[in-house]
């Protein structure tokens, strides 16, 4: 029982870290896409 709980805890920490990493990467990619889209829109408006 103790071993099972300990394993779940360590796995939970790893899961939280990977989730945080994915959220950070996703946010960075989303910002890059949004900023790139904004630049493209400005260039189109200038024409």
Protein backbone atom coordinates (compact mmCIF):
# COMPACT_ATOMS: atom_id res chain seq x y z
CA UNK A 1 0.00 0.00 0.00
CA UNK A 2 2.76 2.44 0.91
CA UNK A 3 4.78 1.52 -2.17
CA UNK A 4 1.72 2.02 -4.36
CA UNK A 5 1.08 5.48 -2.88
CA UNK A 6 4.72 6.46 -3.22
CA UNK A 7 4.78 5.38 -6.86
CA UNK A 8 1.61 7.33 -7.57
CA UNK A 9 3.07 10.43 -5.93
CA UNK A 10 6.29 10.31 -7.94
CA UNK A 11 4.28 9.71 -11.11
CA UNK A 12 1.99 12.61 -10.21
CA UNK A 13 4.95 14.95 -9.84
CA UNK A 14 6.34 13.84 -13.21
CA UNK A 15 2.90 14.27 -14.75
CA UNK A 16 2.62 17.80 -13.36
CA UNK A 17 6.08 18.67 -14.69
CA UNK A 18 5.31 17.33 -18.17
CA UNK A 19 1.92 19.08 -18.13
CA UNK A 20 3.59 22.35 -17.13
CA UNK A 21 6.15 21.86 -19.90
CA UNK A 22 3.41 21.24 -22.47
CA UNK A 23 1.46 24.31 -21.30
CA UNK A 24 4.59 26.46 -21.52
CA UNK A 25 5.48 25.14 -24.98
CA UNK A 26 1.89 25.50 -26.16
CA UNK A 27 1.71 29.08 -24.91
CA UNK A 28 5.02 29.94 -26.58
CA UNK A 29 3.91 28.42 -29.89
CA UNK A 30 0.54 30.17 -29.60
CA UNK A 31 2.26 33.53 -28.99
CA UNK A 32 4.60 32.95 -31.94
CA UNK A 33 1.68 32.11 -34.23
CA UNK A 34 -0.35 35.10 -33.01
CA UNK A 35 2.55 37.54 -33.40
CA UNK A 36 3.35 36.11 -36.85
CA UNK A 37 -0.32 36.38 -37.84
CA UNK A 38 -0.43 39.98 -36.60
CA UNK A 39 2.65 40.84 -38.70
CA UNK A 40 1.09 39.21 -41.78
CA UNK A 41 -2.14 41.14 -41.20
CA UNK A 42 -0.25 44.43 -40.91
CA UNK A 43 1.62 43.72 -44.15
CA UNK A 44 -1.66 42.93 -45.91
CA UNK A 45 -3.24 46.14 -44.58
CA UNK A 46 -0.27 48.21 -45.79
CA UNK A 47 -0.95 47.06 -49.35
